[in-house]
Amino acid sequence: LFYRQREAGVEAAYQLAAQTMALNMMDPAAQEGAQAFAEK
Protein backbone atom coordinates (compact mmCIF):
# COMPACT_ATOMS: atom_id res chain seq x y z
CA LEU A 1 0.00 0.00 0.00
CA PHE A 2 2.79 2.44 0.89
CA TYR A 3 4.35 2.29 -2.56
CA ARG A 4 1.04 2.27 -4.44
CA GLN A 5 -0.41 5.28 -2.63
CA ARG A 6 2.80 7.28 -2.97
CA GLU A 7 2.36 7.36 -6.74
CA ALA A 8 -1.39 8.14 -6.59
CA GLY A 9 -3.23 11.40 -6.00
CA VAL A 10 -4.40 12.12 -2.46
CA GLU A 11 -8.01 11.02 -3.01
CA ALA A 12 -6.99 7.77 -4.69
CA ALA A 13 -4.38 7.21 -1.98
CA TYR A 14 -7.03 7.45 0.73
CA GLN A 15 -9.23 4.98 -1.14
CA LEU A 16 -6.36 2.51 -1.44
CA ALA A 17 -5.45 3.00 2.22
CA ALA A 18 -9.04 2.46 3.41
CA GLN A 19 -9.34 -0.75 1.37
CA THR A 20 -6.04 -2.00 2.76
CA MET A 21 -6.99 -1.27 6.36
CA ALA A 22 -10.37 -3.00 5.97
CA LEU A 23 -8.65 -6.06 4.51
CA ASN A 24 -5.95 -5.96 7.20
CA MET A 25 -8.62 -5.80 9.90
CA MET A 26 -9.93 -9.20 8.79
CA ASP A 27 -6.53 -10.82 9.31
CA PRO A 28 -6.27 -13.00 12.47
CA ALA A 29 -3.23 -11.05 13.69
CA ALA A 30 -5.17 -7.77 13.57
CA GLN A 31 -8.16 -9.40 15.29
CA GLU A 32 -5.86 -10.63 18.06
CA GLY A 33 -4.20 -7.21 18.30
CA ALA A 34 -7.53 -5.41 18.66
CA GLN A 35 -8.70 -7.94 21.26
CA ALA A 36 -5.44 -7.54 23.18
CA PHE A 37 -5.86 -3.76 23.16
CA ALA A 38 -9.41 -4.10 24.50
CA GLU A 39 -8.23 -6.49 27.22
CA LYS A 40 -5.16 -4.36 28.05
PDB file of all heavy atoms in Angstrom:
ATOM      1  N   LEU A   1       0.825  -1.204   0.000  1.00  0.00           N
ATOM      2  CA  LEU A   1       0.000   0.000   0.000  1.00  0.00           C
ATOM      3  C   LEU A   1       0.861   1.257   0.000  1.00  0.00           C
ATOM      4  O   LEU A   1       0.573   2.218  -0.732  1.00  0.00           O
ATOM      5  CB  LEU A   1      -0.927  -0.014   1.219  1.00  0.00           C
ATOM      6  CG  LEU A   1      -1.852   1.179   1.490  1.00  0.00           C
ATOM      7  CD1 LEU A   1      -1.203   2.329   2.208  1.00  0.00           C
ATOM      8  CD2 LEU A   1      -2.520   1.669   0.207  1.00  0.00           C
ATOM      9  N   PHE A   2       1.933   1.259   0.785  1.00  0.00           N
ATOM     10  CA  PHE A   2       2.790   2.443   0.887  1.00  0.00           C
ATOM     11  C   PHE A   2       3.283   2.878  -0.484  1.00  0.00           C
ATOM     12  O   PHE A   2       3.196   4.054  -0.852  1.00  0.00           O
ATOM     13  CB  PHE A   2       3.973   2.160   1.810  1.00  0.00           C
ATOM     14  CG  PHE A   2       4.928   3.314   1.921  1.00  0.00           C
ATOM     15  CD1 PHE A   2       4.698   4.351   2.813  1.00  0.00           C
ATOM     16  CD2 PHE A   2       6.052   3.389   1.111  1.00  0.00           C
ATOM     17  CE1 PHE A   2       5.563   5.431   2.897  1.00  0.00           C
ATOM     18  CE2 PHE A   2       6.927   4.457   1.184  1.00  0.00           C
ATOM     19  CZ  PHE A   2       6.682   5.479   2.076  1.00  0.00           C
ATOM     20  N   TYR A   3       3.791   1.926  -1.267  1.00  0.00           N
ATOM     21  CA  TYR A   3       4.352   2.292  -2.561  1.00  0.00           C
ATOM     22  C   TYR A   3       3.275   2.615  -3.587  1.00  0.00           C
ATOM     23  O   TYR A   3       3.458   3.490  -4.441  1.00  0.00           O
ATOM     24  CB  TYR A   3       5.275   1.178  -3.056  1.00  0.00           C
ATOM     25  CG  TYR A   3       6.559   1.107  -2.253  1.00  0.00           C
ATOM     26  CD1 TYR A   3       6.834   0.022  -1.433  1.00  0.00           C
ATOM     27  CD2 TYR A   3       7.477   2.150  -2.290  1.00  0.00           C
ATOM     28  CE1 TYR A   3       8.005  -0.019  -0.679  1.00  0.00           C
ATOM     29  CE2 TYR A   3       8.637   2.110  -1.534  1.00  0.00           C
ATOM     30  CZ  TYR A   3       8.894   1.017  -0.732  1.00  0.00           C
ATOM     31  OH  TYR A   3      10.047   0.986   0.013  1.00  0.00           O
ATOM     32  N   ARG A   4       2.129   1.961  -3.512  1.00  0.00           N
ATOM     33  CA  ARG A   4       1.035   2.268  -4.442  1.00  0.00           C
ATOM     34  C   ARG A   4       0.474   3.662  -4.187  1.00  0.00           C
ATOM     35  O   ARG A   4       0.273   4.450  -5.113  1.00  0.00           O
ATOM     36  CB  ARG A   4      -0.077   1.229  -4.328  1.00  0.00           C
ATOM     37  CG  ARG A   4       0.244  -0.138  -4.921  1.00  0.00           C
ATOM     38  CD  ARG A   4      -0.897  -1.095  -4.722  1.00  0.00           C
ATOM     39  NE  ARG A   4      -2.087  -0.661  -5.434  1.00  0.00           N
ATOM     40  CZ  ARG A   4      -3.322  -1.127  -5.172  1.00  0.00           C
ATOM     41  NH1 ARG A   4      -3.521  -1.991  -4.193  1.00  0.00           N
ATOM     42  NH2 ARG A   4      -4.344  -0.693  -5.875  1.00  0.00           N
ATOM     43  N   GLN A   5       0.220   3.993  -2.936  1.00  0.00           N
ATOM     44  CA  GLN A   5      -0.408   5.278  -2.630  1.00  0.00           C
ATOM     45  C   GLN A   5       0.528   6.440  -2.884  1.00  0.00           C
ATOM     46  O   GLN A   5       0.098   7.546  -3.196  1.00  0.00           O
ATOM     47  CB  GLN A   5      -0.930   5.303  -1.183  1.00  0.00           C
ATOM     48  CG  GLN A   5       0.110   5.211  -0.096  1.00  0.00           C
ATOM     49  CD  GLN A   5       0.790   6.526   0.242  1.00  0.00           C
ATOM     50  OE1 GLN A   5       0.227   7.594  -0.006  1.00  0.00           O
ATOM     51  NE2 GLN A   5       1.995   6.456   0.790  1.00  0.00           N
ATOM     52  N   ARG A   6       1.837   6.200  -2.766  1.00  0.00           N
ATOM     53  CA  ARG A   6       2.801   7.277  -2.974  1.00  0.00           C
ATOM     54  C   ARG A   6       2.754   7.821  -4.394  1.00  0.00           C
ATOM     55  O   ARG A   6       3.034   8.999  -4.630  1.00  0.00           O
ATOM     56  CB  ARG A   6       4.212   6.768  -2.653  1.00  0.00           C
ATOM     57  CG  ARG A   6       5.263   7.856  -2.710  1.00  0.00           C
ATOM     58  CD  ARG A   6       6.604   7.355  -2.251  1.00  0.00           C
ATOM     59  NE  ARG A   6       7.128   6.279  -3.086  1.00  0.00           N
ATOM     60  CZ  ARG A   6       8.361   5.778  -2.949  1.00  0.00           C
ATOM     61  NH1 ARG A   6       9.154   6.225  -2.000  1.00  0.00           N
ATOM     62  NH2 ARG A   6       8.773   4.813  -3.744  1.00  0.00           N
ATOM     63  N   GLU A   7       2.404   6.948  -5.342  1.00  0.00           N
ATOM     64  CA  GLU A   7       2.360   7.360  -6.743  1.00  0.00           C
ATOM     65  C   GLU A   7       0.968   7.829  -7.161  1.00  0.00           C
ATOM     66  O   GLU A   7       0.772   8.256  -8.300  1.00  0.00           O
ATOM     67  CB  GLU A   7       2.798   6.195  -7.646  1.00  0.00           C
ATOM     68  CG  GLU A   7       4.160   5.617  -7.289  1.00  0.00           C
ATOM     69  CD  GLU A   7       5.261   6.666  -7.271  1.00  0.00           C
ATOM     70  OE1 GLU A   7       5.204   7.605  -8.089  1.00  0.00           O
ATOM     71  OE2 GLU A   7       6.175   6.557  -6.433  1.00  0.00           O
ATOM     72  N   ALA A   8      -0.011   7.748  -6.265  1.00  0.00           N
ATOM     73  CA  ALA A   8      -1.386   8.141  -6.594  1.00  0.00           C
ATOM     74  C   ALA A   8      -1.667   9.554  -6.085  1.00  0.00           C
ATOM     75  O   ALA A   8      -0.930  10.109  -5.280  1.00  0.00           O
ATOM     76  CB  ALA A   8      -2.365   7.155  -5.972  1.00  0.00           C
ATOM     77  N   GLY A   9      -2.767  10.136  -6.557  1.00  0.00           N
ATOM     78  CA  GLY A   9      -3.232  11.396  -6.001  1.00  0.00           C
ATOM     79  C   GLY A   9      -3.769  11.166  -4.603  1.00  0.00           C
ATOM     80  O   GLY A   9      -4.004  10.026  -4.186  1.00  0.00           O
ATOM     81  N   VAL A  10      -4.000  12.245  -3.863  1.00  0.00           N
ATOM     82  CA  VAL A  10      -4.403  12.121  -2.462  1.00  0.00           C
ATOM     83  C   VAL A  10      -5.718  11.357  -2.322  1.00  0.00           C
ATOM     84  O   VAL A  10      -5.840  10.454  -1.485  1.00  0.00           O
ATOM     85  CB  VAL A  10      -4.517  13.516  -1.809  1.00  0.00           C
ATOM     86  CG1 VAL A  10      -5.063  13.396  -0.395  1.00  0.00           C
ATOM     87  CG2 VAL A  10      -3.155  14.196  -1.789  1.00  0.00           C
ATOM     88  N   GLU A  11      -6.712  11.689  -3.136  1.00  0.00           N
ATOM     89  CA  GLU A  11      -8.014  11.019  -3.006  1.00  0.00           C
ATOM     90  C   GLU A  11      -7.889   9.524  -3.305  1.00  0.00           C
ATOM     91  O   GLU A  11      -8.409   8.686  -2.558  1.00  0.00           O
ATOM     92  CB  GLU A  11      -9.034  11.655  -3.952  1.00  0.00           C
ATOM     93  CG  GLU A  11     -10.442  11.079  -3.787  1.00  0.00           C
ATOM     94  CD  GLU A  11     -11.483  11.817  -4.615  1.00  0.00           C
ATOM     95  OE1 GLU A  11     -11.117  12.780  -5.317  1.00  0.00           O
ATOM     96  OE2 GLU A  11     -12.663  11.419  -4.543  1.00  0.00           O
ATOM     97  N   ALA A  12      -7.180   9.181  -4.356  1.00  0.00           N
ATOM     98  CA  ALA A  12      -6.988   7.768  -4.691  1.00  0.00           C
ATOM     99  C   ALA A  12      -6.167   7.068  -3.610  1.00  0.00           C
ATOM    100  O   ALA A  12      -6.403   5.903  -3.288  1.00  0.00           O
ATOM    101  CB  ALA A  12      -6.298   7.641  -6.042  1.00  0.00           C
ATOM    102  N   ALA A  13      -5.197   7.787  -3.035  1.00  0.00           N
ATOM    103  CA  ALA A  13      -4.380   7.208  -1.977  1.00  0.00           C
ATOM    104  C   ALA A  13      -5.232   6.857  -0.764  1.00  0.00           C
ATOM    105  O   ALA A  13      -5.065   5.790  -0.152  1.00  0.00           O
ATOM    106  CB  ALA A  13      -3.270   8.176  -1.581  1.00  0.00           C
ATOM    107  N   TYR A  14      -6.149   7.743  -0.395  1.00  0.00           N
ATOM    108  CA  TYR A  14      -7.032   7.452   0.733  1.00  0.00           C
ATOM    109  C   TYR A  14      -7.931   6.252   0.441  1.00  0.00           C
ATOM    110  O   TYR A  14      -8.200   5.418   1.318  1.00  0.00           O
ATOM    111  CB  TYR A  14      -7.884   8.673   1.082  1.00  0.00           C
ATOM    112  CG  TYR A  14      -7.217   9.581   2.089  1.00  0.00           C
ATOM    113  CD1 TYR A  14      -6.895  10.893   1.768  1.00  0.00           C
ATOM    114  CD2 TYR A  14      -6.901   9.116   3.366  1.00  0.00           C
ATOM    115  CE1 TYR A  14      -6.274  11.729   2.681  1.00  0.00           C
ATOM    116  CE2 TYR A  14      -6.284   9.946   4.284  1.00  0.00           C
ATOM    117  CZ  TYR A  14      -5.973  11.251   3.943  1.00  0.00           C
ATOM    118  OH  TYR A  14      -5.356  12.073   4.855  1.00  0.00           O
ATOM    119  N   GLN A  15      -8.406   6.130  -0.783  1.00  0.00           N
ATOM    120  CA  GLN A  15      -9.232   4.983  -1.140  1.00  0.00           C
ATOM    121  C   GLN A  15      -8.441   3.687  -1.021  1.00  0.00           C
ATOM    122  O   GLN A  15      -8.934   2.689  -0.468  1.00  0.00           O
ATOM    123  CB  GLN A  15      -9.777   5.153  -2.565  1.00  0.00           C
ATOM    124  CG  GLN A  15     -10.804   6.272  -2.705  1.00  0.00           C
ATOM    125  CD  GLN A  15     -11.201   6.522  -4.147  1.00  0.00           C
ATOM    126  OE1 GLN A  15     -10.603   5.994  -5.080  1.00  0.00           O
ATOM    127  NE2 GLN A  15     -12.215   7.350  -4.336  1.00  0.00           N
ATOM    128  N   LEU A  16      -7.218   3.691  -1.543  1.00  0.00           N
ATOM    129  CA  LEU A  16      -6.364   2.507  -1.437  1.00  0.00           C
ATOM    130  C   LEU A  16      -6.069   2.172   0.020  1.00  0.00           C
ATOM    131  O   LEU A  16      -6.090   1.006   0.422  1.00  0.00           O
ATOM    132  CB  LEU A  16      -5.053   2.745  -2.186  1.00  0.00           C
ATOM    133  CG  LEU A  16      -5.112   2.755  -3.707  1.00  0.00           C
ATOM    134  CD1 LEU A  16      -3.788   3.266  -4.283  1.00  0.00           C
ATOM    135  CD2 LEU A  16      -5.409   1.358  -4.241  1.00  0.00           C
ATOM    136  N   ALA A  17      -5.786   3.208   0.816  1.00  0.00           N
ATOM    137  CA  ALA A  17      -5.451   2.997   2.218  1.00  0.00           C
ATOM    138  C   ALA A  17      -6.641   2.433   2.993  1.00  0.00           C
ATOM    139  O   ALA A  17      -6.484   1.526   3.826  1.00  0.00           O
ATOM    140  CB  ALA A  17      -4.990   4.309   2.851  1.00  0.00           C
ATOM    141  N   ALA A  18      -7.846   2.953   2.729  1.00  0.00           N
ATOM    142  CA  ALA A  18      -9.041   2.461   3.408  1.00  0.00           C
ATOM    143  C   ALA A  18      -9.312   0.995   3.065  1.00  0.00           C
ATOM    144  O   ALA A  18      -9.660   0.180   3.933  1.00  0.00           O
ATOM    145  CB  ALA A  18     -10.246   3.323   3.037  1.00  0.00           C
ATOM    146  N   GLN A  19      -9.147   0.646   1.786  1.00  0.00           N
ATOM    147  CA  GLN A  19      -9.340  -0.747   1.371  1.00  0.00           C
ATOM    148  C   GLN A  19      -8.327  -1.663   2.051  1.00  0.00           C
ATOM    149  O   GLN A  19      -8.673  -2.763   2.510  1.00  0.00           O
ATOM    150  CB  GLN A  19      -9.202  -0.853  -0.150  1.00  0.00           C
ATOM    151  CG  GLN A  19     -10.323  -0.179  -0.929  1.00  0.00           C
ATOM    152  CD  GLN A  19      -9.985  -0.017  -2.406  1.00  0.00           C
ATOM    153  OE1 GLN A  19      -8.946  -0.474  -2.882  1.00  0.00           O
ATOM    154  NE2 GLN A  19     -10.869   0.656  -3.129  1.00  0.00           N
ATOM    155  N   THR A  20      -7.086  -1.200   2.139  1.00  0.00           N
ATOM    156  CA  THR A  20      -6.039  -2.004   2.761  1.00  0.00           C
ATOM    157  C   THR A  20      -6.302  -2.209   4.246  1.00  0.00           C
ATOM    158  O   THR A  20      -6.151  -3.306   4.785  1.00  0.00           O
ATOM    159  CB  THR A  20      -4.665  -1.347   2.567  1.00  0.00           C
ATOM    160  OG1 THR A  20      -4.399  -1.241   1.160  1.00  0.00           O
ATOM    161  CG2 THR A  20      -3.558  -2.156   3.228  1.00  0.00           C
ATOM    162  N   MET A  21      -6.727  -1.149   4.930  1.00  0.00           N
ATOM    163  CA  MET A  21      -6.995  -1.274   6.364  1.00  0.00           C
ATOM    164  C   MET A  21      -8.176  -2.192   6.641  1.00  0.00           C
ATOM    165  O   MET A  21      -8.165  -2.976   7.590  1.00  0.00           O
ATOM    166  CB  MET A  21      -7.218   0.102   6.988  1.00  0.00           C
ATOM    167  CG  MET A  21      -5.960   0.943   7.047  1.00  0.00           C
ATOM    168  SD  MET A  21      -6.038   2.295   8.256  1.00  0.00           S
ATOM    169  CE  MET A  21      -5.879   1.386   9.792  1.00  0.00           C
ATOM    170  N   ALA A  22      -9.206  -2.110   5.795  1.00  0.00           N
ATOM    171  CA  ALA A  22     -10.366  -2.997   5.966  1.00  0.00           C
ATOM    172  C   ALA A  22      -9.953  -4.455   5.779  1.00  0.00           C
ATOM    173  O   ALA A  22     -10.369  -5.342   6.535  1.00  0.00           O
ATOM    174  CB  ALA A  22     -11.464  -2.614   4.981  1.00  0.00           C
ATOM    175  N   LEU A  23      -9.136  -4.708   4.755  1.00  0.00           N
ATOM    176  CA  LEU A  23      -8.652  -6.065   4.511  1.00  0.00           C
ATOM    177  C   LEU A  23      -7.751  -6.523   5.652  1.00  0.00           C
ATOM    178  O   LEU A  23      -7.859  -7.659   6.134  1.00  0.00           O
ATOM    179  CB  LEU A  23      -7.895  -6.100   3.186  1.00  0.00           C
ATOM    180  CG  LEU A  23      -7.289  -7.454   2.774  1.00  0.00           C
ATOM    181  CD1 LEU A  23      -8.384  -8.494   2.588  1.00  0.00           C
ATOM    182  CD2 LEU A  23      -6.477  -7.302   1.497  1.00  0.00           C
ATOM    183  N   ASN A  24      -6.862  -5.649   6.105  1.00  0.00           N
ATOM    184  CA  ASN A  24      -5.952  -5.963   7.200  1.00  0.00           C
ATOM    185  C   ASN A  24      -6.724  -6.303   8.474  1.00  0.00           C
ATOM    186  O   ASN A  24      -6.354  -7.196   9.231  1.00  0.00           O
ATOM    187  CB  ASN A  24      -5.019  -4.769   7.424  1.00  0.00           C
ATOM    188  CG  ASN A  24      -3.824  -5.073   8.308  1.00  0.00           C
ATOM    189  OD1 ASN A  24      -2.911  -4.268   8.413  1.00  0.00           O
ATOM    190  ND2 ASN A  24      -3.792  -6.229   8.957  1.00  0.00           N
ATOM    191  N   MET A  25      -7.839  -5.592   8.686  1.00  0.00           N
ATOM    192  CA  MET A  25      -8.616  -5.802   9.903  1.00  0.00           C
ATOM    193  C   MET A  25      -9.217  -7.198   9.966  1.00  0.00           C
ATOM    194  O   MET A  25      -9.510  -7.713  11.052  1.00  0.00           O
ATOM    195  CB  MET A  25      -9.725  -4.736   9.997  1.00  0.00           C
ATOM    196  CG  MET A  25     -10.339  -4.611  11.379  1.00  0.00           C
ATOM    197  SD  MET A  25      -9.118  -4.144  12.629  1.00  0.00           S
ATOM    198  CE  MET A  25      -9.679  -5.130  14.020  1.00  0.00           C
ATOM    199  N   MET A  26      -9.369  -7.845   8.821  1.00  0.00           N
ATOM    200  CA  MET A  26      -9.925  -9.196   8.792  1.00  0.00           C
ATOM    201  C   MET A  26      -8.862 -10.260   9.049  1.00  0.00           C
ATOM    202  O   MET A  26      -9.188 -11.440   9.233  1.00  0.00           O
ATOM    203  CB  MET A  26     -10.590  -9.465   7.433  1.00  0.00           C
ATOM    204  CG  MET A  26     -11.733  -8.517   7.107  1.00  0.00           C
ATOM    205  SD  MET A  26     -12.983  -8.429   8.429  1.00  0.00           S
ATOM    206  CE  MET A  26     -13.591 -10.124   8.415  1.00  0.00           C
ATOM    207  N   ASP A  27      -7.599  -9.866   9.076  1.00  0.00           N
ATOM    208  CA  ASP A  27      -6.526 -10.824   9.314  1.00  0.00           C
ATOM    209  C   ASP A  27      -6.522 -11.244  10.784  1.00  0.00           C
ATOM    210  O   ASP A  27      -6.757 -10.417  11.674  1.00  0.00           O
ATOM    211  CB  ASP A  27      -5.179 -10.177   8.953  1.00  0.00           C
ATOM    212  CG  ASP A  27      -4.027 -11.155   9.049  1.00  0.00           C
ATOM    213  OD1 ASP A  27      -3.888 -11.970   8.126  1.00  0.00           O
ATOM    214  OD2 ASP A  27      -3.297 -11.107  10.056  1.00  0.00           O
ATOM    215  N   PRO A  28      -6.266 -12.525  11.070  1.00  0.00           N
ATOM    216  CA  PRO A  28      -6.269 -12.995  12.468  1.00  0.00           C
ATOM    217  C   PRO A  28      -5.329 -12.217  13.378  1.00  0.00           C
ATOM    218  O   PRO A  28      -5.637 -12.008  14.562  1.00  0.00           O
ATOM    219  CB  PRO A  28      -5.837 -14.460  12.338  1.00  0.00           C
ATOM    220  CG  PRO A  28      -6.260 -14.868  10.969  1.00  0.00           C
ATOM    221  CD  PRO A  28      -6.086 -13.634  10.121  1.00  0.00           C
ATOM    222  N   ALA A  29      -4.175 -11.788  12.859  1.00  0.00           N
ATOM    223  CA  ALA A  29      -3.234 -11.045  13.693  1.00  0.00           C
ATOM    224  C   ALA A  29      -3.827  -9.710  14.123  1.00  0.00           C
ATOM    225  O   ALA A  29      -3.650  -9.279  15.266  1.00  0.00           O
ATOM    226  CB  ALA A  29      -1.920 -10.817  12.938  1.00  0.00           C
ATOM    227  N   ALA A  30      -4.541  -9.038  13.218  1.00  0.00           N
ATOM    228  CA  ALA A  30      -5.172  -7.766  13.567  1.00  0.00           C
ATOM    229  C   ALA A  30      -6.325  -7.991  14.543  1.00  0.00           C
ATOM    230  O   ALA A  30      -6.539  -7.186  15.468  1.00  0.00           O
ATOM    231  CB  ALA A  30      -5.679  -7.064  12.317  1.00  0.00           C
ATOM    232  N   GLN A  31      -7.072  -9.066  14.360  1.00  0.00           N
ATOM    233  CA  GLN A  31      -8.160  -9.397  15.286  1.00  0.00           C
ATOM    234  C   GLN A  31      -7.602  -9.629  16.691  1.00  0.00           C
ATOM    235  O   GLN A  31      -8.159  -9.142  17.684  1.00  0.00           O
ATOM    236  CB  GLN A  31      -8.899 -10.641  14.793  1.00  0.00           C
ATOM    237  CG  GLN A  31      -9.664 -10.452  13.487  1.00  0.00           C
ATOM    238  CD  GLN A  31     -10.927  -9.635  13.660  1.00  0.00           C
ATOM    239  OE1 GLN A  31     -11.622  -9.768  14.663  1.00  0.00           O
ATOM    240  NE2 GLN A  31     -11.215  -8.776  12.688  1.00  0.00           N
ATOM    241  N   GLU A  32      -6.494 -10.372  16.764  1.00  0.00           N
ATOM    242  CA  GLU A  32      -5.858 -10.630  18.057  1.00  0.00           C
ATOM    243  C   GLU A  32      -5.316  -9.337  18.647  1.00  0.00           C
ATOM    244  O   GLU A  32      -5.436  -9.083  19.860  1.00  0.00           O
ATOM    245  CB  GLU A  32      -4.742 -11.658  17.895  1.00  0.00           C
ATOM    246  CG  GLU A  32      -3.745 -11.743  19.042  1.00  0.00           C
ATOM    247  CD  GLU A  32      -4.359 -12.123  20.384  1.00  0.00           C
ATOM    248  OE1 GLU A  32      -5.518 -12.614  20.416  1.00  0.00           O
ATOM    249  OE2 GLU A  32      -3.684 -11.931  21.411  1.00  0.00           O
ATOM    250  N   GLY A  33      -4.727  -8.475  17.816  1.00  0.00           N
ATOM    251  CA  GLY A  33      -4.200  -7.213  18.305  1.00  0.00           C
ATOM    252  C   GLY A  33      -5.285  -6.317  18.878  1.00  0.00           C
ATOM    253  O   GLY A  33      -5.103  -5.702  19.934  1.00  0.00           O
ATOM    254  N   ALA A  34      -6.416  -6.230  18.170  1.00  0.00           N
ATOM    255  CA  ALA A  34      -7.527  -5.415  18.660  1.00  0.00           C
ATOM    256  C   ALA A  34      -8.091  -5.971  19.966  1.00  0.00           C
ATOM    257  O   ALA A  34      -8.430  -5.218  20.895  1.00  0.00           O
ATOM    258  CB  ALA A  34      -8.615  -5.332  17.597  1.00  0.00           C
ATOM    259  N   GLN A  35      -8.192  -7.303  20.037  1.00  0.00           N
ATOM    260  CA  GLN A  35      -8.700  -7.938  21.260  1.00  0.00           C
ATOM    261  C   GLN A  35      -7.739  -7.698  22.425  1.00  0.00           C
ATOM    262  O   GLN A  35      -8.173  -7.432  23.552  1.00  0.00           O
ATOM    263  CB  GLN A  35      -8.880  -9.449  21.028  1.00  0.00           C
ATOM    264  CG  GLN A  35      -9.608 -10.179  22.147  1.00  0.00           C
ATOM    265  CD  GLN A  35     -11.061  -9.743  22.278  1.00  0.00           C
ATOM    266  OE1 GLN A  35     -11.695  -9.374  21.292  1.00  0.00           O
ATOM    267  NE2 GLN A  35     -11.590  -9.765  23.500  1.00  0.00           N
ATOM    268  N   ALA A  36      -6.433  -7.779  22.134  1.00  0.00           N
ATOM    269  CA  ALA A  36      -5.444  -7.542  23.180  1.00  0.00           C
ATOM    270  C   ALA A  36      -5.514  -6.105  23.683  1.00  0.00           C
ATOM    271  O   ALA A  36      -5.394  -5.854  24.886  1.00  0.00           O
ATOM    272  CB  ALA A  36      -4.040  -7.846  22.639  1.00  0.00           C
ATOM    273  N   PHE A  37      -5.723  -5.158  22.755  1.00  0.00           N
ATOM    274  CA  PHE A  37      -5.861  -3.758  23.160  1.00  0.00           C
ATOM    275  C   PHE A  37      -7.067  -3.590  24.076  1.00  0.00           C
ATOM    276  O   PHE A  37      -6.997  -2.911  25.109  1.00  0.00           O
ATOM    277  CB  PHE A  37      -6.015  -2.877  21.920  1.00  0.00           C
ATOM    278  CG  PHE A  37      -6.223  -1.425  22.233  1.00  0.00           C
ATOM    279  CD1 PHE A  37      -5.158  -0.595  22.536  1.00  0.00           C
ATOM    280  CD2 PHE A  37      -7.512  -0.879  22.249  1.00  0.00           C
ATOM    281  CE1 PHE A  37      -5.364   0.750  22.832  1.00  0.00           C
ATOM    282  CE2 PHE A  37      -7.721   0.456  22.548  1.00  0.00           C
ATOM    283  CZ  PHE A  37      -6.638   1.279  22.841  1.00  0.00           C
ATOM    284  N   ALA A  38      -8.185  -4.215  23.702  1.00  0.00           N
ATOM    285  CA  ALA A  38      -9.407  -4.104  24.501  1.00  0.00           C
ATOM    286  C   ALA A  38      -9.226  -4.715  25.890  1.00  0.00           C
ATOM    287  O   ALA A  38      -9.785  -4.230  26.879  1.00  0.00           O
ATOM    288  CB  ALA A  38     -10.574  -4.775  23.779  1.00  0.00           C
ATOM    289  N   GLU A  39      -8.444  -5.786  25.954  1.00  0.00           N
ATOM    290  CA  GLU A  39      -8.231  -6.488  27.222  1.00  0.00           C
ATOM    291  C   GLU A  39      -6.995  -5.990  27.966  1.00  0.00           C
ATOM    292  O   GLU A  39      -6.632  -6.552  29.006  1.00  0.00           O
ATOM    293  CB  GLU A  39      -8.112  -7.993  26.952  1.00  0.00           C
ATOM    294  CG  GLU A  39      -9.392  -8.598  26.378  1.00  0.00           C
ATOM    295  CD  GLU A  39      -9.240 -10.055  25.969  1.00  0.00           C
ATOM    296  OE1 GLU A  39      -8.132 -10.618  26.172  1.00  0.00           O
ATOM    297  OE2 GLU A  39     -10.221 -10.633  25.463  1.00  0.00           O
ATOM    298  N   LYS A  40      -6.321  -4.978  27.426  1.00  0.00           N
ATOM    299  CA  LYS A  40      -5.157  -4.357  28.055  1.00  0.00           C
ATOM    300  C   LYS A  40      -4.054  -5.377  28.336  1.00  0.00           C
ATOM    301  O   LYS A  40      -3.507  -5.461  29.441  1.00  0.00           O
ATOM    302  CB  LYS A  40      -5.557  -3.620  29.339  1.00  0.00           C
ATOM    303  CG  LYS A  40      -6.548  -2.483  29.091  1.00  0.00           C
ATOM    304  CD  LYS A  40      -6.891  -1.740  30.367  1.00  0.00           C
ATOM    305  CE  LYS A  40      -7.858  -0.605  30.081  1.00  0.00           C
ATOM    306  NZ  LYS A  40      -8.222   0.133  31.319  1.00  0.00           N
TER     307      LYS A  40
END
